[in-house]
PDB file of N, CA and C in Angstrom:
ATOM      1  N   MET A   1     -11.119  -2.595 -18.917  1.00  0.00           N
ATOM      2  CA  MET A   1     -10.686  -1.971 -17.503  1.00  0.00           C
ATOM      3  C   MET A   1      -8.976  -2.256 -17.563  1.00  0.00           C
ATOM      4  N   ARG A   2      -8.804  -3.603 -17.742  1.00  0.00           N
ATOM      5  CA  ARG A   2      -6.999  -3.972 -17.406  1.00  0.00           C
ATOM      6  C   ARG A   2      -6.471  -3.198 -18.162  1.00  0.00           C
ATOM      7  N   PRO A   3      -6.733  -2.540 -19.616  1.00  0.00           N
ATOM      8  CA  PRO A   3      -5.522  -2.013 -20.248  1.00  0.00           C
ATOM      9  C   PRO A   3      -5.490  -0.454 -19.452  1.00  0.00           C
ATOM     10  N   VAL A   4      -6.515   0.239 -19.297  1.00  0.00           N
ATOM     11  CA  VAL A   4      -6.426   1.348 -18.399  1.00  0.00           C
ATOM     12  C   VAL A   4      -5.684   1.083 -17.162  1.00  0.00           C
ATOM     13  N   ALA A   5      -5.803   0.236 -16.152  1.00  0.00           N
ATOM     14  CA  ALA A   5      -5.222   0.065 -15.114  1.00  0.00           C
ATOM     15  C   ALA A   5      -3.904  -0.359 -15.238  1.00  0.00           C
ATOM     16  N   MET A   6      -3.340  -1.109 -16.406  1.00  0.00           N
ATOM     17  CA  MET A   6      -1.987  -1.141 -16.587  1.00  0.00           C
ATOM     18  C   MET A   6      -1.409   0.190 -16.940  1.00  0.00           C
ATOM     19  N   GLU A   7      -1.872   0.764 -17.765  1.00  0.00           N
ATOM     20  CA  GLU A   7      -1.420   1.987 -18.415  1.00  0.00           C
ATOM     21  C   GLU A   7      -1.119   2.900 -17.136  1.00  0.00           C
ATOM     22  N   TYR A   8      -1.744   2.875 -16.102  1.00  0.00           N
ATOM     23  CA  TYR A   8      -1.763   3.917 -14.962  1.00  0.00           C
ATOM     24  C   TYR A   8      -0.966   2.989 -13.719  1.00  0.00           C
ATOM     25  N   SER A   9      -0.313   2.034 -14.055  1.00  0.00           N
ATOM     26  CA  SER A   9       0.352   0.978 -12.977  1.00  0.00           C
ATOM     27  C   SER A   9      -0.731   1.037 -11.839  1.00  0.00           C
ATOM     28  N   ILE A  10      -1.901   0.692 -11.873  1.00  0.00           N
ATOM     29  CA  ILE A  10      -2.982   0.302 -10.984  1.00  0.00           C
ATOM     30  C   ILE A  10      -3.127  -1.136 -10.824  1.00  0.00           C
ATOM     31  N   ASN A  11      -3.276  -1.720  -9.645  1.00  0.00           N
ATOM     32  CA  ASN A  11      -3.522  -2.912  -9.385  1.00  0.00           C
ATOM     33  C   ASN A  11      -4.855  -3.096  -9.758  1.00  0.00           C
ATOM     34  N   TYR A  12      -5.222  -4.348 -10.354  1.00  0.00           N
ATOM     35  CA  TYR A  12      -6.483  -4.786 -11.088  1.00  0.00           C
ATOM     36  C   TYR A  12      -6.915  -6.043 -10.511  1.00  0.00           C
ATOM     37  N   MET A  13      -7.929  -6.393 -10.123  1.00  0.00           N
ATOM     38  CA  MET A  13      -8.763  -7.484  -9.485  1.00  0.00           C
ATOM     39  C   MET A  13     -10.109  -7.764  -9.784  1.00  0.00           C
ATOM     40  N   LEU A  14     -10.233  -8.881 -10.685  1.00  0.00           N
ATOM     41  CA  LEU A  14     -11.664  -9.030 -11.155  1.00  0.00           C
ATOM     42  C   LEU A  14     -12.273  -9.943 -10.188  1.00  0.00           C
ATOM     43  N   GLY A  15     -13.620  -9.884  -9.792  1.00  0.00           N
ATOM     44  CA  GLY A  15     -14.448 -10.434  -9.070  1.00  0.00           C
ATOM     45  C   GLY A  15     -15.754 -10.593  -9.397  1.00  0.00           C
ATOM     46  N   ARG A  16     -16.582 -11.618  -9.203  1.00  0.00           N
ATOM     47  CA  ARG A  16     -17.753 -11.999  -9.442  1.00  0.00           C
ATOM     48  C   ARG A  16     -18.486 -12.329  -8.318  1.00  0.00           C
ATOM     49  N   GLY A  17     -19.759 -11.477  -7.931  1.00  0.00           N
ATOM     50  CA  GLY A  17     -20.449 -11.990  -6.963  1.00  0.00           C
ATOM     51  C   GLY A  17     -19.726 -11.441  -5.598  1.00  0.00           C
ATOM     52  N   PHE A  18     -19.870 -12.529  -4.443  1.00  0.00           N
ATOM     53  CA  PHE A  18     -19.244 -12.314  -3.453  1.00  0.00           C
ATOM     54  C   PHE A  18     -17.944 -13.093  -3.154  1.00  0.00           C
ATOM     55  N   CYS A  19     -16.861 -12.559  -2.984  1.00  0.00           N
ATOM     56  CA  CYS A  19     -15.448 -13.182  -3.417  1.00  0.00           C
ATOM     57  C   CYS A  19     -15.445 -13.713  -2.036  1.00  0.00           C
ATOM     58  N   SER A  20     -14.386 -14.858  -1.867  1.00  0.00           N
ATOM     59  CA  SER A  20     -14.097 -15.320  -0.669  1.00  0.00           C
ATOM     60  C   SER A  20     -12.948 -14.387  -0.172  1.00  0.00           C
ATOM     61  N   SER A  21     -12.485 -14.855   1.223  1.00  0.00           N
ATOM     62  CA  SER A  21     -11.445 -14.086   1.971  1.00  0.00           C
ATOM     63  C   SER A  21     -10.248 -14.005   1.321  1.00  0.00           C
ATOM     64  N   GLU A  22      -9.768 -15.013   0.586  1.00  0.00           N
ATOM     65  CA  GLU A  22      -8.302 -15.033  -0.287  1.00  0.00           C
ATOM     66  C   GLU A  22      -7.955 -13.762  -1.026  1.00  0.00           C
ATOM     67  N   PRO A  23      -8.924 -13.364  -1.671  1.00  0.00           N
ATOM     68  CA  PRO A  23      -8.424 -12.223  -2.419  1.00  0.00           C
ATOM     69  C   PRO A  23      -8.640 -10.974  -1.780  1.00  0.00           C
ATOM     70  N   ARG A  24      -9.465 -10.530  -0.685  1.00  0.00           N
ATOM     71  CA  ARG A  24      -9.321  -9.662   0.112  1.00  0.00           C
ATOM     72  C   ARG A  24      -8.199  -9.657   1.091  1.00  0.00           C
ATOM     73  N   HIS A  25      -7.703 -10.887   1.444  1.00  0.00           N
ATOM     74  CA  HIS A  25      -6.538 -10.942   2.067  1.00  0.00           C
ATOM     75  C   HIS A  25      -5.258 -10.624   1.228  1.00  0.00           C
ATOM     76  N   GLY A  26      -5.323 -10.920   0.105  1.00  0.00           N
ATOM     77  CA  GLY A  26      -4.165 -10.582  -0.647  1.00  0.00           C
ATOM     78  C   GLY A  26      -3.904  -9.236  -1.045  1.00  0.00           C
ATOM     79  N   ILE A  27      -5.202  -8.374  -1.204  1.00  0.00           N
ATOM     80  CA  ILE A  27      -5.227  -6.778  -1.140  1.00  0.00           C
ATOM     81  C   ILE A  27      -4.935  -6.378   0.198  1.00  0.00           C
ATOM     82  N   ALA A  28      -5.208  -6.736   1.087  1.00  0.00           N
ATOM     83  CA  ALA A  28      -5.086  -6.297   2.595  1.00  0.00           C
ATOM     84  C   ALA A  28      -2.898  -6.492   2.794  1.00  0.00           C
ATOM     85  N   GLU A  29      -2.694  -7.754   2.309  1.00  0.00           N
ATOM     86  CA  GLU A  29      -1.060  -7.731   2.496  1.00  0.00           C
ATOM     87  C   GLU A  29      -0.325  -7.084   1.436  1.00  0.00           C
ATOM     88  N   ARG A  30      -0.924  -6.633   0.386  1.00  0.00           N
ATOM     89  CA  ARG A  30      -0.231  -5.875  -0.571  1.00  0.00           C
ATOM     90  C   ARG A  30      -0.131  -4.598   0.000  1.00  0.00           C
ATOM     91  N   TYR A  31      -1.559  -4.037   0.460  1.00  0.00           N
ATOM     92  CA  TYR A  31      -1.375  -2.628   0.891  1.00  0.00           C
ATOM     93  C   TYR A  31      -0.314  -2.381   2.016  1.00  0.00           C
ATOM     94  N   LYS A  32      -0.346  -3.259   3.066  1.00  0.00           N
ATOM     95  CA  LYS A  32       0.592  -3.268   4.278  1.00  0.00           C
ATOM     96  C   LYS A  32       2.206  -3.348   3.982  1.00  0.00           C
ATOM     97  N   ALA A  33       2.218  -4.079   3.042  1.00  0.00           N
ATOM     98  CA  ALA A  33       3.687  -4.065   2.254  1.00  0.00           C
ATOM     99  C   ALA A  33       4.434  -2.883   1.426  1.00  0.00           C
ATOM    100  N   SER A  34       3.094  -2.190   1.212  1.00  0.00           N
ATOM    101  CA  SER A  34       3.497  -0.957   0.231  1.00  0.00           C
ATOM    102  C   SER A  34       4.128   0.111   1.210  1.00  0.00           C
ATOM    103  N   TRP A  35       3.436   0.079   2.387  1.00  0.00           N
ATOM    104  CA  TRP A  35       3.898   1.208   3.420  1.00  0.00           C
ATOM    105  C   TRP A  35       2.993   2.634   2.804  1.00  0.00           C
ATOM    106  N   LYS A  36       2.082   2.281   2.299  1.00  0.00           N
ATOM    107  CA  LYS A  36       1.491   3.621   1.791  1.00  0.00           C
ATOM    108  C   LYS A  36       0.385   4.162   2.821  1.00  0.00           C
ATOM    109  N   GLU A  37       0.088   5.550   2.945  1.00  0.00           N
ATOM    110  CA  GLU A  37      -0.524   5.939   4.041  1.00  0.00           C
ATOM    111  C   GLU A  37      -1.978   5.849   3.859  1.00  0.00           C
ATOM    112  N   LYS A  38      -2.629   5.643   2.431  1.00  0.00           N
ATOM    113  CA  LYS A  38      -3.948   5.244   2.162  1.00  0.00           C
ATOM    114  C   LYS A  38      -4.191   4.353   1.255  1.00  0.00           C
ATOM    115  N   LEU A  39      -5.204   3.568   1.125  1.00  0.00           N
ATOM    116  CA  LEU A  39      -5.572   2.568   0.349  1.00  0.00           C
ATOM    117  C   LEU A  39      -6.940   2.921  -0.251  1.00  0.00           C
ATOM    118  N   LEU A  40      -7.074   3.038  -1.610  1.00  0.00           N
ATOM    119  CA  LEU A  40      -7.919   3.498  -2.472  1.00  0.00           C
ATOM    120  C   LEU A  40      -8.548   2.254  -3.147  1.00  0.00           C
ATOM    121  N   ILE A  41      -9.578   1.889  -3.061  1.00  0.00           N
ATOM    122  CA  ILE A  41     -10.152   0.766  -3.665  1.00  0.00           C
ATOM    123  C   ILE A  41     -11.469   1.142  -4.457  1.00  0.00           C
ATOM    124  N   LEU A  42     -11.395   0.907  -5.956  1.00  0.00           N
ATOM    125  CA  LEU A  42     -12.608   1.370  -6.546  1.00  0.00           C
ATOM    126  C   LEU A  42     -13.529   0.182  -6.986  1.00  0.00           C
ATOM    127  N   LEU A  43     -14.457   0.127  -6.359  1.00  0.00           N
ATOM    128  CA  LEU A  43     -15.583  -0.901  -6.812  1.00  0.00           C
ATOM    129  C   LEU A  43     -16.543  -0.585  -7.668  1.00  0.00           C
ATOM    130  N   LEU A  44     -16.462  -1.547  -8.608  1.00  0.00           N
ATOM    131  CA  LEU A  44     -17.451  -1.067  -9.889  1.00  0.00           C
ATOM    132  C   LEU A  44     -18.554  -2.405  -9.865  1.00  0.00           C
ATOM    133  N   SER A  45     -19.797  -1.991  -9.895  1.00  0.00           N
ATOM    134  CA  SER A  45     -20.827  -2.901  -9.245  1.00  0.00           C
ATOM    135  C   SER A  45     -22.248  -2.732 -10.204  1.00  0.00           C
ATOM    136  N   ASP A  46     -23.058  -3.739 -10.268  1.00  0.00           N
ATOM    137  CA  ASP A  46     -24.446  -3.408 -10.674  1.00  0.00           C
ATOM    138  C   ASP A  46     -25.357  -2.481  -9.813  1.00  0.00           C
ATOM    139  N   PHE A  47     -25.706  -1.550 -10.024  1.00  0.00           N
ATOM    140  CA  PHE A  47     -26.570  -0.673  -9.294  1.00  0.00           C
ATOM    141  C   PHE A  47     -28.067  -1.112  -9.067  1.00  0.00           C
ATOM    142  N   ASP A  48     -27.956  -2.480  -8.307  1.00  0.00           N
ATOM    143  CA  ASP A  48     -29.125  -2.869  -7.558  1.00  0.00           C
ATOM    144  C   ASP A  48     -28.823  -3.423  -6.360  1.00  0.00           C
ATOM    145  N   PRO A  49     -29.768  -4.055  -5.606  1.00  0.00           N
ATOM    146  CA  PRO A  49     -29.630  -4.570  -4.367  1.00  0.00           C
ATOM    147  C   PRO A  49     -28.441  -5.587  -4.358  1.00  0.00           C
ATOM    148  N   ASP A  50     -28.213  -6.205  -4.848  1.00  0.00           N
ATOM    149  CA  ASP A  50     -27.051  -7.416  -4.783  1.00  0.00           C
ATOM    150  C   ASP A  50     -25.806  -6.872  -4.955  1.00  0.00           C
ATOM    151  N   GLY A  51     -25.639  -5.971  -5.878  1.00  0.00           N
ATOM    152  CA  GLY A  51     -24.330  -4.921  -6.430  1.00  0.00           C
ATOM    153  C   GLY A  51     -24.287  -3.940  -5.247  1.00  0.00           C
ATOM    154  N   GLU A  52     -24.948  -3.338  -4.533  1.00  0.00           N
ATOM    155  CA  GLU A  52     -24.898  -2.885  -3.302  1.00  0.00           C
ATOM    156  C   GLU A  52     -24.491  -3.448  -2.303  1.00  0.00           C
ATOM    157  N   GLN A  53     -24.994  -4.669  -1.828  1.00  0.00           N
ATOM    158  CA  GLN A  53     -24.775  -5.452  -0.721  1.00  0.00           C
ATOM    159  C   GLN A  53     -23.173  -5.973  -1.162  1.00  0.00           C
ATOM    160  N   ILE A  54     -22.739  -6.155  -2.234  1.00  0.00           N
ATOM    161  CA  ILE A  54     -21.249  -6.997  -2.389  1.00  0.00           C
ATOM    162  C   ILE A  54     -20.441  -5.718  -2.047  1.00  0.00           C
ATOM    163  N   GLY A  55     -20.601  -4.273  -2.511  1.00  0.00           N
ATOM    164  CA  GLY A  55     -19.565  -3.227  -2.287  1.00  0.00           C
ATOM    165  C   GLY A  55     -19.613  -3.309  -0.735  1.00  0.00           C
ATOM    166  N   GLN A  56     -20.773  -3.275  -0.196  1.00  0.00           N
ATOM    167  CA  GLN A  56     -20.711  -3.228   1.434  1.00  0.00           C
ATOM    168  C   GLN A  56     -20.130  -4.202   2.148  1.00  0.00           C
ATOM    169  N   ARG A  57     -20.540  -5.328   1.831  1.00  0.00           N
ATOM    170  CA  ARG A  57     -19.599  -6.528   2.436  1.00  0.00           C
ATOM    171  C   ARG A  57     -17.931  -6.413   2.260  1.00  0.00           C
ATOM    172  N   PHE A  58     -17.883  -6.152   1.077  1.00  0.00           N
ATOM    173  CA  PHE A  58     -16.446  -5.988   0.759  1.00  0.00           C
ATOM    174  C   PHE A  58     -15.735  -5.029   1.497  1.00  0.00           C
ATOM    175  N   VAL A  59     -16.099  -3.839   1.699  1.00  0.00           N
ATOM    176  CA  VAL A  59     -15.874  -2.640   2.547  1.00  0.00           C
ATOM    177  C   VAL A  59     -15.696  -3.370   4.011  1.00  0.00           C
ATOM    178  N   SER A  60     -16.763  -3.831   4.604  1.00  0.00           N
ATOM    179  CA  SER A  60     -16.799  -4.304   5.801  1.00  0.00           C
ATOM    180  C   SER A  60     -15.784  -5.298   6.204  1.00  0.00           C
ATOM    181  N   SER A  61     -15.740  -6.433   5.217  1.00  0.00           N
ATOM    182  CA  SER A  61     -14.662  -7.124   5.506  1.00  0.00           C
ATOM    183  C   SER A  61     -13.327  -6.638   5.573  1.00  0.00           C
ATOM    184  N   ILE A  62     -13.087  -5.561   4.729  1.00  0.00           N
ATOM    185  CA  ILE A  62     -11.453  -5.279   4.847  1.00  0.00           C
ATOM    186  C   ILE A  62     -11.355  -4.565   5.724  1.00  0.00           C
ATOM    187  N   ARG A  63     -12.049  -3.924   6.195  1.00  0.00           N
ATOM    188  CA  ARG A  63     -12.326  -3.132   7.736  1.00  0.00           C
ATOM    189  C   ARG A  63     -12.092  -3.930   8.791  1.00  0.00           C
ATOM    190  N   ASP A  64     -13.106  -4.887   8.887  1.00  0.00           N
ATOM    191  CA  ASP A  64     -12.980  -5.893  10.106  1.00  0.00           C
ATOM    192  C   ASP A  64     -12.211  -6.816  10.319  1.00  0.00           C
ATOM    193  N   GLU A  65     -11.829  -7.458   9.094  1.00  0.00           N
ATOM    194  CA  GLU A  65     -10.984  -8.684   9.015  1.00  0.00           C
ATOM    195  C   GLU A  65      -9.482  -8.310   9.156  1.00  0.00           C
ATOM    196  N   PHE A  66      -9.264  -7.211   8.636  1.00  0.00           N
ATOM    197  CA  PHE A  66      -7.719  -6.875   8.147  1.00  0.00           C
ATOM    198  C   PHE A  66      -7.490  -5.619   8.861  1.00  0.00           C
ATOM    199  N   GLY A  67      -8.527  -4.587   9.378  1.00  0.00           N
ATOM    200  CA  GLY A  67      -8.082  -3.513  10.060  1.00  0.00           C
ATOM    201  C   GLY A  67      -7.757  -2.466   9.331  1.00  0.00           C
ATOM    202  N   ILE A  68      -8.196  -2.265   8.094  1.00  0.00           N
ATOM    203  CA  ILE A  68      -7.958  -1.263   6.976  1.00  0.00           C
ATOM    204  C   ILE A  68      -9.561  -0.570   6.922  1.00  0.00           C
ATOM    205  N   VAL A  69      -9.091   0.599   7.509  1.00  0.00           N
ATOM    206  CA  VAL A  69     -10.341   1.498   7.612  1.00  0.00           C
ATOM    207  C   VAL A  69     -10.389   2.657   6.100  1.00  0.00           C
ATOM    208  N   PHE A  70     -11.248   2.596   5.714  1.00  0.00           N
ATOM    209  CA  PHE A  70     -11.562   3.383   4.611  1.00  0.00           C
ATOM    210  C   PHE A  70     -12.829   3.371   4.202  1.00  0.00           C
ATOM    211  N   TYR A  71     -13.577   4.268   3.577  1.00  0.00           N
ATOM    212  CA  TYR A  71     -14.865   4.215   3.124  1.00  0.00           C
ATOM    213  C   TYR A  71     -14.849   5.367   1.885  1.00  0.00           C
ATOM    214  N   GLY A  72     -15.746   5.150   1.005  1.00  0.00           N
ATOM    215  CA  GLY A  72     -15.900   6.094  -0.174  1.00  0.00           C
ATOM    216  C   GLY A  72     -16.871   5.526  -1.088  1.00  0.00           C
ATOM    217  N   LYS A  73     -17.817   6.349  -1.814  1.00  0.00           N
ATOM    218  CA  LYS A  73     -18.576   5.626  -2.599  1.00  0.00           C
ATOM    219  C   LYS A  73     -18.715   6.505  -3.938  1.00  0.00           C
ATOM    220  N   LEU A  74     -18.572   5.994  -5.053  1.00  0.00           N
ATOM    221  CA  LEU A  74     -18.753   6.615  -6.175  1.00  0.00           C
ATOM    222  C   LEU A  74     -20.328   6.270  -6.711  1.00  0.00           C
ATOM    223  N   ARG A  75     -20.792   6.779  -7.261  1.00  0.00           N
ATOM    224  CA  ARG A  75     -22.072   6.302  -8.036  1.00  0.00           C
ATOM    225  C   ARG A  75     -22.416   7.234  -9.360  1.00  0.00           C
ATOM    226  N   PHE A  76     -22.723   6.368 -10.171  1.00  0.00           N
ATOM    227  CA  PHE A  76     -22.864   6.852 -11.747  1.00  0.00           C
ATOM    228  C   PHE A  76     -24.118   6.510 -12.087  1.00  0.00           C
ATOM    229  N   THR A  77     -24.945   7.236 -12.444  1.00  0.00           N
ATOM    230  CA  THR A  77     -26.214   6.999 -12.860  1.00  0.00           C
ATOM    231  C   THR A  77     -26.670   6.754 -14.279  1.00  0.00           C
ATOM    232  N   LYS A  78     -25.676   7.096 -14.867  1.00  0.00           N
ATOM    233  CA  LYS A  78     -25.569   6.814 -16.447  1.00  0.00           C
ATOM    234  C   LYS A  78     -24.334   7.134 -16.989  1.00  0.00           C
ATOM    235  N   LEU A  79     -23.888   5.910 -17.887  1.00  0.00           N
ATOM    236  CA  LEU A  79     -22.527   5.658 -18.452  1.00  0.00           C
ATOM    237  C   LEU A  79     -22.813   5.679 -19.821  1.00  0.00           C
ATOM    238  N   LYS A  80     -22.033   6.382 -20.589  1.00  0.00           N
ATOM    239  CA  LYS A  80     -22.138   6.362 -22.210  1.00  0.00           C
ATOM    240  C   LYS A  80     -20.900   5.649 -22.368  1.00  0.00           C
ATOM    241  N   PHE A  81     -20.448   4.951 -23.384  1.00  0.00           N
ATOM    242  CA  PHE A  81     -19.304   3.982 -23.543  1.00  0.00           C
ATOM    243  C   PHE A  81     -19.202   4.281 -25.184  1.00  0.00           C
ATOM    244  N   ARG A  82     -18.067   4.678 -25.389  1.00  0.00           N
ATOM    245  CA  ARG A  82     -17.457   4.822 -27.114  1.00  0.00           C
ATOM    246  C   ARG A  82     -17.071   3.319 -27.327  1.00  0.00           C
ATOM    247  N   LYS A  83     -17.280   3.466 -28.344  1.00  0.00           N
ATOM    248  CA  LYS A  83     -17.080   2.253 -29.254  1.00  0.00           C
ATOM    249  C   LYS A  83     -15.706   2.248 -29.610  1.00  0.00           C
ATOM    250  N   GLY A  84     -14.742   1.198 -28.965  1.00  0.00           N
ATOM    251  CA  GLY A  84     -13.076   1.396 -29.438  1.00  0.00           C
ATOM    252  C   GLY A  84     -12.905   1.151 -30.758  1.00  0.00           C
ATOM    253  N   PRO A  85     -11.820   1.299 -31.164  1.00  0.00           N
ATOM    254  CA  PRO A  85     -11.152   1.138 -32.698  1.00  0.00           C
ATOM    255  C   PRO A  85     -11.431  -0.234 -33.218  1.00  0.00           C
TER     256      PRO A  85
END
């Protein structure tokens, strides 16, 4: 993931489980400082109840704690990975 994000100048953050408010605060601060009109966050998680809850809590936190409103969901039902070089 990181090499692809770097290639396209996309900020990349890795979290495991339910992250503390510090990383979310950093995202909010970077977004506000950028003066961009929209914030797009792509969350990749397991497709199980815990993974769904992590994503929902993350979105709720960004909205409720930092006043950034957005919502979108991508759902992949089957992924095929190509082995790298």
